[in-house]
Amino acid sequence: MSLQLHRPDGKGGLEPRPVTDQNWRNQLRSPRWGASLKGGKLPALSNPEMHPTSTLRSVLFWVVLALVTFGIIVVGYGTRLFSLPG
């Protein structure tokens, strides 16, 4: 399987377009991508919208969610809102 681009050949078929550059990274020569920076490396950019959740808070969330779900099931069967087939 090939990922080449194809174009119509005028006879109802397709012919592959000639490939000009095998390395697509050579086309990414913009100062935005760090090509003109020293060493060609990207600058360290911070993401102000990303604040990772602490492990304790994550674990507490899932434990509370599990307990609430278990409580809903127990209350549902206790009040006969849910019933076992029988």
N, C-alpha and C. Protein backbone atom coordinates (compact mmCIF):
# COMPACT_ATOMS: atom_id res chain seq x y z
N MET A 1 0.85 -1.18 0.00
CA MET A 1 0.00 0.00 0.00
C MET A 1 0.89 1.23 0.00
N SER A 2 0.48 2.23 -0.74
CA SER A 2 1.27 3.44 -0.86
C SER A 2 0.44 4.64 -0.43
N LEU A 3 1.11 5.61 0.16
CA LEU A 3 0.43 6.84 0.54
C LEU A 3 0.73 7.96 -0.44
N GLN A 4 1.12 7.61 -1.66
CA GLN A 4 1.38 8.62 -2.66
C GLN A 4 0.08 9.27 -3.11
N LEU A 5 0.18 10.51 -3.50
CA LEU A 5 -0.98 11.18 -4.08
C LEU A 5 -1.09 10.80 -5.55
N HIS A 6 -2.29 10.63 -6.02
CA HIS A 6 -2.52 10.25 -7.41
C HIS A 6 -3.38 11.31 -8.08
N ARG A 7 -3.24 11.40 -9.38
CA ARG A 7 -4.05 12.35 -10.15
C ARG A 7 -4.60 11.63 -11.37
N PRO A 8 -5.67 12.15 -11.97
CA PRO A 8 -6.24 11.50 -13.17
C PRO A 8 -5.23 11.52 -14.31
N ASP A 9 -5.21 10.43 -15.08
CA ASP A 9 -4.27 10.34 -16.21
C ASP A 9 -4.92 10.71 -17.53
N GLY A 10 -6.21 11.09 -17.54
CA GLY A 10 -6.88 11.47 -18.76
C GLY A 10 -7.54 10.31 -19.49
N LYS A 11 -7.30 9.09 -19.03
CA LYS A 11 -7.89 7.91 -19.66
C LYS A 11 -8.83 7.18 -18.71
N GLY A 12 -9.22 7.84 -17.65
CA GLY A 12 -10.13 7.22 -16.69
C GLY A 12 -9.42 6.53 -15.55
N GLY A 13 -8.11 6.57 -15.53
CA GLY A 13 -7.36 5.93 -14.46
C GLY A 13 -6.62 6.96 -13.63
N LEU A 14 -5.74 6.46 -12.79
CA LEU A 14 -4.96 7.34 -11.94
C LEU A 14 -3.48 7.07 -12.16
N GLU A 15 -2.69 8.12 -12.03
CA GLU A 15 -1.24 7.95 -12.09
C GLU A 15 -0.63 8.62 -10.87
N PRO A 16 0.44 8.07 -10.32
CA PRO A 16 1.04 8.68 -9.13
C PRO A 16 1.71 10.00 -9.48
N ARG A 17 1.62 10.93 -8.58
CA ARG A 17 2.32 12.20 -8.75
C ARG A 17 3.79 11.97 -8.48
N PRO A 18 4.64 12.68 -9.19
CA PRO A 18 6.07 12.53 -8.91
C PRO A 18 6.39 13.05 -7.50
N VAL A 19 7.19 12.29 -6.81
CA VAL A 19 7.57 12.66 -5.46
C VAL A 19 8.80 13.56 -5.55
N THR A 20 8.72 14.72 -4.92
CA THR A 20 9.83 15.66 -4.99
C THR A 20 10.78 15.51 -3.81
N ASP A 21 10.26 15.21 -2.63
CA ASP A 21 11.10 15.12 -1.46
C ASP A 21 10.64 13.93 -0.61
N GLN A 22 11.54 13.03 -0.33
CA GLN A 22 11.20 11.85 0.46
C GLN A 22 11.05 12.19 1.94
N ASN A 23 11.69 13.24 2.39
CA ASN A 23 11.65 13.61 3.80
C ASN A 23 10.74 14.82 3.96
N TRP A 24 9.53 14.60 4.45
CA TRP A 24 8.56 15.69 4.60
C TRP A 24 9.01 16.70 5.65
N ARG A 25 9.92 16.31 6.54
CA ARG A 25 10.37 17.24 7.58
C ARG A 25 11.15 18.41 6.99
N ASN A 26 11.72 18.21 5.80
CA ASN A 26 12.45 19.30 5.17
C ASN A 26 11.54 20.46 4.80
N GLN A 27 10.23 20.23 4.69
CA GLN A 27 9.29 21.29 4.36
C GLN A 27 8.93 22.13 5.58
N LEU A 28 9.27 21.65 6.77
CA LEU A 28 8.93 22.36 7.99
C LEU A 28 10.06 23.28 8.39
N ARG A 29 10.29 24.28 7.61
CA ARG A 29 11.38 25.22 7.89
C ARG A 29 10.80 26.58 8.28
N SER A 30 10.13 26.61 9.40
CA SER A 30 9.54 27.85 9.88
C SER A 30 10.16 28.18 11.24
N PRO A 31 10.38 29.47 11.53
CA PRO A 31 10.91 29.84 12.85
C PRO A 31 10.00 29.38 13.98
N ARG A 32 8.71 29.23 13.67
CA ARG A 32 7.78 28.78 14.70
C ARG A 32 8.13 27.39 15.19
N TRP A 33 8.67 26.56 14.33
CA TRP A 33 8.94 25.17 14.67
C TRP A 33 10.37 24.96 15.15
N GLY A 34 11.11 26.01 15.35
CA GLY A 34 12.43 25.90 15.94
C GLY A 34 13.54 25.66 14.94
N ALA A 35 13.26 25.73 13.65
CA ALA A 35 14.30 25.47 12.65
C ALA A 35 15.38 26.54 12.69
N SER A 36 15.02 27.76 13.05
CA SER A 36 16.02 28.83 13.05
C SER A 36 16.61 29.07 14.43
N LEU A 37 16.18 28.31 15.42
CA LEU A 37 16.72 28.47 16.77
C LEU A 37 18.04 27.74 16.91
N LYS A 38 18.77 28.09 17.93
CA LYS A 38 20.07 27.47 18.17
C LYS A 38 19.88 25.97 18.43
N GLY A 39 20.56 25.16 17.67
CA GLY A 39 20.44 23.72 17.81
C GLY A 39 19.21 23.15 17.11
N GLY A 40 18.35 23.99 16.57
CA GLY A 40 17.16 23.53 15.87
C GLY A 40 16.12 22.90 16.79
N LYS A 41 16.21 23.17 18.09
CA LYS A 41 15.28 22.57 19.03
C LYS A 41 14.16 23.53 19.35
N LEU A 42 13.01 22.98 19.69
CA LEU A 42 11.87 23.80 20.05
C LEU A 42 12.07 24.44 21.41
N PRO A 43 11.53 25.64 21.61
CA PRO A 43 11.63 26.25 22.93
C PRO A 43 10.66 25.55 23.89
N ALA A 44 10.96 25.64 25.16
CA ALA A 44 10.07 25.05 26.17
C ALA A 44 8.86 25.98 26.33
N LEU A 45 7.72 25.51 25.89
CA LEU A 45 6.49 26.29 25.98
C LEU A 45 5.62 25.74 27.09
N SER A 46 5.12 26.62 27.92
CA SER A 46 4.23 26.18 28.99
C SER A 46 2.79 26.22 28.50
N ASN A 47 1.97 25.39 29.09
CA ASN A 47 0.56 25.36 28.77
C ASN A 47 -0.20 25.84 30.00
N PRO A 48 -0.65 27.10 30.01
CA PRO A 48 -1.31 27.63 31.21
C PRO A 48 -2.67 26.98 31.48
N GLU A 49 -3.25 26.29 30.52
CA GLU A 49 -4.54 25.64 30.73
C GLU A 49 -4.40 24.24 31.31
N MET A 50 -3.18 23.73 31.37
CA MET A 50 -2.97 22.37 31.84
C MET A 50 -2.48 22.39 33.28
N HIS A 51 -3.31 21.91 34.17
CA HIS A 51 -2.93 21.77 35.58
C HIS A 51 -3.22 20.31 35.95
N PRO A 52 -2.21 19.47 36.04
CA PRO A 52 -2.45 18.06 36.32
C PRO A 52 -3.13 17.85 37.67
N THR A 53 -4.00 16.88 37.71
CA THR A 53 -4.70 16.53 38.93
C THR A 53 -3.79 15.67 39.79
N SER A 54 -3.80 15.93 41.08
CA SER A 54 -2.95 15.15 41.98
C SER A 54 -3.46 13.71 42.06
N THR A 55 -2.56 12.80 42.41
CA THR A 55 -2.92 11.39 42.50
C THR A 55 -3.97 11.17 43.58
N LEU A 56 -3.82 11.81 44.72
CA LEU A 56 -4.79 11.65 45.81
C LEU A 56 -6.18 12.09 45.37
N ARG A 57 -6.26 13.22 44.70
CA ARG A 57 -7.56 13.72 44.25
C ARG A 57 -8.19 12.78 43.21
N SER A 58 -7.37 12.22 42.34
CA SER A 58 -7.88 11.28 41.34
C SER A 58 -8.42 10.01 41.99
N VAL A 59 -7.66 9.48 42.93
CA VAL A 59 -8.09 8.26 43.62
C VAL A 59 -9.36 8.53 44.41
N LEU A 60 -9.42 9.65 45.11
CA LEU A 60 -10.63 9.98 45.86
C LEU A 60 -11.84 10.13 44.95
N PHE A 61 -11.66 10.71 43.78
CA PHE A 61 -12.77 10.86 42.84
C PHE A 61 -13.35 9.49 42.48
N TRP A 62 -12.47 8.53 42.12
CA TRP A 62 -12.97 7.21 41.70
C TRP A 62 -13.56 6.43 42.86
N VAL A 63 -13.00 6.59 44.06
CA VAL A 63 -13.57 5.90 45.23
C VAL A 63 -14.94 6.46 45.55
N VAL A 64 -15.09 7.77 45.54
CA VAL A 64 -16.40 8.39 45.81
C VAL A 64 -17.40 8.00 44.73
N LEU A 65 -16.97 7.98 43.47
CA LEU A 65 -17.87 7.58 42.39
C LEU A 65 -18.33 6.14 42.57
N ALA A 66 -17.43 5.25 42.98
CA ALA A 66 -17.78 3.85 43.21
C ALA A 66 -18.75 3.73 44.38
N LEU A 67 -18.52 4.47 45.46
CA LEU A 67 -19.41 4.41 46.61
C LEU A 67 -20.80 4.96 46.29
N VAL A 68 -20.87 6.04 45.54
CA VAL A 68 -22.17 6.60 45.15
C VAL A 68 -22.92 5.60 44.26
N THR A 69 -22.22 4.99 43.33
CA THR A 69 -22.85 3.99 42.46
C THR A 69 -23.36 2.81 43.28
N PHE A 70 -22.53 2.33 44.20
CA PHE A 70 -22.95 1.22 45.06
C PHE A 70 -24.16 1.61 45.90
N GLY A 71 -24.15 2.85 46.43
CA GLY A 71 -25.29 3.33 47.22
C GLY A 71 -26.58 3.39 46.41
N ILE A 72 -26.48 3.85 45.17
CA ILE A 72 -27.67 3.92 44.31
C ILE A 72 -28.23 2.52 44.06
N ILE A 73 -27.33 1.56 43.85
CA ILE A 73 -27.78 0.18 43.60
C ILE A 73 -28.44 -0.39 44.85
N VAL A 74 -27.82 -0.20 46.02
CA VAL A 74 -28.38 -0.73 47.27
C VAL A 74 -29.73 -0.09 47.57
N VAL A 75 -29.81 1.23 47.43
CA VAL A 75 -31.08 1.92 47.68
C VAL A 75 -32.13 1.50 46.66
N GLY A 76 -31.74 1.33 45.41
CA GLY A 76 -32.69 0.91 44.38
C GLY A 76 -33.28 -0.46 44.64
N TYR A 77 -32.46 -1.42 45.05
CA TYR A 77 -32.97 -2.75 45.37
C TYR A 77 -33.70 -2.76 46.71
N GLY A 78 -33.25 -1.91 47.67
CA GLY A 78 -33.91 -1.86 48.99
C GLY A 78 -35.30 -1.29 48.91
N THR A 79 -35.54 -0.34 48.04
CA THR A 79 -36.87 0.26 47.89
C THR A 79 -37.69 -0.44 46.80
N ARG A 80 -37.14 -1.52 46.24
CA ARG A 80 -37.78 -2.31 45.18
C ARG A 80 -38.00 -1.49 43.90
N LEU A 81 -37.18 -0.44 43.75
CA LEU A 81 -37.19 0.30 42.49
C LEU A 81 -36.60 -0.58 41.40
N PHE A 82 -35.56 -1.33 41.77
CA PHE A 82 -34.98 -2.35 40.89
C PHE A 82 -35.46 -3.69 41.44
N SER A 83 -35.59 -4.65 40.56
CA SER A 83 -35.96 -5.96 41.05
C SER A 83 -35.25 -7.03 40.25
N LEU A 84 -34.97 -8.15 40.92
CA LEU A 84 -34.34 -9.27 40.25
C LEU A 84 -35.41 -10.04 39.49
N PRO A 85 -35.07 -10.57 38.32
CA PRO A 85 -36.07 -11.38 37.59
C PRO A 85 -36.38 -12.64 38.39
N GLY A 86 -37.62 -12.95 38.48
CA GLY A 86 -37.93 -14.12 39.30
C GLY A 86 -39.25 -14.67 39.11
